């Protein structure tokens, strides 16, 4: 779900795009707290680059090998 906050409120609360927030409802108030750490989800983009291989054929072989090992 995407929520939009007024720029002034987001700035004062230090809410950045892609921040994960936990939103609840309590006594007519909707508090929004950071969920987990303050790091943006986008900071993790590309973290596993090359883990399966660098070429399409290497990736296919690696996935096939892992699949066959997991079925043992």
N, C-alpha and C. Protein backbone atom coordinates (compact mmCIF):
# COMPACT_ATOMS: atom_id res chain seq x y z
N UNK A 1 0.84 -1.16 0.00
CA UNK A 1 0.00 0.00 0.00
C UNK A 1 0.90 1.24 0.00
N UNK A 2 0.51 2.22 -0.72
CA UNK A 2 1.28 3.46 -0.79
C UNK A 2 0.50 4.55 -0.08
N UNK A 3 1.16 5.24 0.83
CA UNK A 3 0.57 6.38 1.52
C UNK A 3 1.35 7.62 1.18
N UNK A 4 0.66 8.71 1.05
CA UNK A 4 1.32 9.98 0.77
C UNK A 4 1.17 10.90 1.97
N UNK A 5 2.28 11.42 2.44
CA UNK A 5 2.28 12.38 3.52
C UNK A 5 2.57 13.76 2.95
N UNK A 6 2.00 14.80 3.53
CA UNK A 6 2.39 16.14 3.10
C UNK A 6 3.90 16.32 3.29
N UNK A 7 4.52 17.01 2.36
CA UNK A 7 5.98 17.18 2.36
C UNK A 7 6.49 17.71 3.70
N UNK A 8 5.80 18.68 4.25
CA UNK A 8 6.23 19.29 5.53
C UNK A 8 6.26 18.26 6.64
N UNK A 9 5.24 17.42 6.72
CA UNK A 9 5.17 16.39 7.76
C UNK A 9 6.26 15.34 7.55
N UNK A 10 6.42 14.88 6.33
CA UNK A 10 7.46 13.88 6.03
C UNK A 10 8.84 14.41 6.36
N UNK A 11 9.08 15.67 6.05
CA UNK A 11 10.38 16.29 6.34
C UNK A 11 10.62 16.37 7.84
N UNK A 12 9.62 16.83 8.60
CA UNK A 12 9.77 16.96 10.05
C UNK A 12 9.94 15.61 10.72
N UNK A 13 9.28 14.58 10.20
CA UNK A 13 9.36 13.24 10.78
C UNK A 13 10.53 12.44 10.21
N UNK A 14 11.28 13.03 9.29
CA UNK A 14 12.40 12.37 8.63
C UNK A 14 11.96 11.08 7.93
N UNK A 15 10.79 11.14 7.27
CA UNK A 15 10.29 10.00 6.51
C UNK A 15 10.77 10.16 5.07
N UNK A 16 11.45 9.14 4.59
CA UNK A 16 12.01 9.15 3.24
C UNK A 16 11.20 8.22 2.34
N UNK A 17 11.29 8.40 1.02
CA UNK A 17 10.64 7.45 0.11
C UNK A 17 11.15 6.04 0.38
N UNK A 18 10.29 5.06 0.32
CA UNK A 18 10.60 3.65 0.54
C UNK A 18 10.86 3.27 1.99
N UNK A 19 10.66 4.20 2.95
CA UNK A 19 10.78 3.83 4.36
C UNK A 19 9.65 2.87 4.70
N UNK A 20 9.94 1.89 5.54
CA UNK A 20 8.93 0.95 6.01
C UNK A 20 8.35 1.50 7.31
N UNK A 21 7.03 1.67 7.34
CA UNK A 21 6.36 2.20 8.52
C UNK A 21 5.33 1.20 9.03
N UNK A 22 5.18 1.14 10.34
CA UNK A 22 4.14 0.34 10.94
C UNK A 22 3.04 1.30 11.37
N UNK A 23 1.87 1.13 10.79
CA UNK A 23 0.77 2.06 11.05
C UNK A 23 -0.32 1.31 11.80
N UNK A 24 -0.77 1.90 12.91
CA UNK A 24 -1.83 1.30 13.72
C UNK A 24 -2.92 2.33 13.95
N UNK A 25 -3.99 1.88 14.57
CA UNK A 25 -5.09 2.77 14.91
C UNK A 25 -5.40 2.57 16.38
N UNK A 26 -5.36 3.65 17.17
CA UNK A 26 -5.58 3.54 18.60
C UNK A 26 -6.28 4.80 19.11
N UNK A 27 -7.47 4.65 19.62
CA UNK A 27 -8.23 5.75 20.22
C UNK A 27 -8.37 6.95 19.28
N UNK A 28 -8.66 6.69 18.03
CA UNK A 28 -8.87 7.77 17.07
C UNK A 28 -7.60 8.38 16.52
N UNK A 29 -6.45 7.81 16.88
CA UNK A 29 -5.16 8.32 16.42
C UNK A 29 -4.51 7.24 15.55
N UNK A 30 -3.82 7.68 14.50
CA UNK A 30 -3.12 6.75 13.60
C UNK A 30 -1.63 7.01 13.70
N UNK A 31 -0.94 6.37 14.66
CA UNK A 31 0.51 6.57 14.77
C UNK A 31 1.25 5.77 13.71
N UNK A 32 2.30 6.33 13.18
CA UNK A 32 3.15 5.66 12.19
C UNK A 32 4.58 5.61 12.75
N UNK A 33 5.06 4.41 13.00
CA UNK A 33 6.41 4.22 13.53
C UNK A 33 7.24 3.48 12.50
N UNK A 34 8.54 3.74 12.53
CA UNK A 34 9.44 3.03 11.63
C UNK A 34 9.46 1.56 12.00
N UNK A 35 9.44 0.73 11.00
CA UNK A 35 9.49 -0.70 11.22
C UNK A 35 10.92 -1.15 10.99
N UNK A 36 11.53 -1.76 11.98
CA UNK A 36 12.91 -2.20 11.84
C UNK A 36 13.86 -1.02 11.88
N UNK A 37 14.87 -1.06 11.03
CA UNK A 37 15.85 0.02 11.02
C UNK A 37 15.41 1.15 10.09
N UNK A 38 16.17 2.22 10.08
CA UNK A 38 15.83 3.39 9.27
C UNK A 38 16.30 3.27 7.83
N UNK A 39 16.96 2.18 7.47
CA UNK A 39 17.49 2.05 6.11
C UNK A 39 16.37 1.87 5.10
N UNK A 40 16.53 2.46 3.98
CA UNK A 40 15.58 2.32 2.89
C UNK A 40 15.72 0.94 2.25
N UNK A 41 14.60 0.39 1.81
CA UNK A 41 14.62 -0.89 1.12
C UNK A 41 15.53 -0.82 -0.11
N UNK A 42 15.56 0.32 -0.76
CA UNK A 42 16.35 0.48 -1.97
C UNK A 42 17.86 0.39 -1.71
N UNK A 43 18.29 0.52 -0.46
CA UNK A 43 19.71 0.38 -0.15
C UNK A 43 20.18 -1.07 -0.35
N UNK A 44 19.25 -2.00 -0.38
CA UNK A 44 19.60 -3.40 -0.56
C UNK A 44 19.59 -3.83 -2.02
N UNK A 45 19.19 -2.96 -2.91
CA UNK A 45 19.13 -3.30 -4.34
C UNK A 45 20.52 -3.70 -4.84
N UNK A 46 20.61 -4.83 -5.50
CA UNK A 46 21.88 -5.29 -6.06
C UNK A 46 22.80 -5.97 -5.08
N UNK A 47 22.33 -6.25 -3.87
CA UNK A 47 23.19 -6.81 -2.84
C UNK A 47 23.72 -8.21 -3.20
N UNK A 48 22.96 -8.96 -3.99
CA UNK A 48 23.38 -10.32 -4.34
C UNK A 48 23.86 -10.42 -5.78
N UNK A 49 24.30 -9.31 -6.33
CA UNK A 49 24.74 -9.30 -7.73
C UNK A 49 25.86 -10.31 -7.95
N UNK A 50 25.67 -11.18 -8.95
CA UNK A 50 26.69 -12.16 -9.29
C UNK A 50 26.65 -13.43 -8.47
N UNK A 51 25.74 -13.54 -7.51
CA UNK A 51 25.73 -14.74 -6.66
C UNK A 51 25.37 -15.99 -7.43
N UNK A 52 24.54 -15.87 -8.47
CA UNK A 52 24.16 -17.01 -9.29
C UNK A 52 25.11 -17.20 -10.47
N UNK A 53 25.95 -16.23 -10.74
CA UNK A 53 26.85 -16.29 -11.88
C UNK A 53 26.79 -15.00 -12.65
N UNK A 54 27.63 -14.88 -13.66
CA UNK A 54 27.70 -13.63 -14.41
C UNK A 54 27.06 -13.72 -15.79
N UNK A 55 26.92 -14.93 -16.32
CA UNK A 55 26.31 -15.08 -17.64
C UNK A 55 25.03 -15.91 -17.52
N UNK A 56 24.20 -15.84 -18.54
CA UNK A 56 22.94 -16.59 -18.53
C UNK A 56 23.18 -18.08 -18.40
N UNK A 57 24.17 -18.60 -19.12
CA UNK A 57 24.43 -20.04 -19.06
C UNK A 57 24.92 -20.47 -17.68
N UNK A 58 25.74 -19.66 -17.05
CA UNK A 58 26.23 -19.97 -15.69
C UNK A 58 25.06 -19.94 -14.70
N UNK A 59 24.20 -18.96 -14.83
CA UNK A 59 23.04 -18.85 -13.93
C UNK A 59 22.15 -20.07 -14.09
N UNK A 60 21.88 -20.49 -15.32
CA UNK A 60 21.04 -21.65 -15.58
C UNK A 60 21.65 -22.91 -14.97
N UNK A 61 22.96 -23.11 -15.15
CA UNK A 61 23.64 -24.29 -14.60
C UNK A 61 23.59 -24.27 -13.07
N UNK A 62 23.84 -23.12 -12.47
CA UNK A 62 23.84 -23.01 -11.01
C UNK A 62 22.46 -23.29 -10.45
N UNK A 63 21.43 -22.72 -11.06
CA UNK A 63 20.06 -22.96 -10.58
C UNK A 63 19.69 -24.43 -10.73
N UNK A 64 20.07 -25.06 -11.85
CA UNK A 64 19.77 -26.48 -12.08
C UNK A 64 20.48 -27.33 -11.04
N UNK A 65 21.72 -27.02 -10.73
CA UNK A 65 22.48 -27.76 -9.74
C UNK A 65 21.83 -27.63 -8.36
N UNK A 66 21.48 -26.40 -7.96
CA UNK A 66 20.86 -26.19 -6.65
C UNK A 66 19.52 -26.90 -6.58
N UNK A 67 18.76 -26.90 -7.68
CA UNK A 67 17.47 -27.56 -7.71
C UNK A 67 17.64 -29.07 -7.55
N UNK A 68 18.61 -29.65 -8.26
CA UNK A 68 18.81 -31.10 -8.18
C UNK A 68 19.32 -31.50 -6.79
N UNK A 69 20.15 -30.67 -6.15
CA UNK A 69 20.64 -30.97 -4.81
C UNK A 69 19.53 -30.88 -3.78
N UNK A 70 18.60 -29.94 -3.97
CA UNK A 70 17.53 -29.78 -2.99
C UNK A 70 16.51 -30.91 -3.06
N UNK A 71 16.48 -31.64 -4.15
CA UNK A 71 15.53 -32.75 -4.31
C UNK A 71 16.08 -34.06 -3.77
N UNK A 72 17.32 -34.09 -3.28
CA UNK A 72 17.94 -35.33 -2.77
C UNK A 72 17.29 -35.78 -1.48
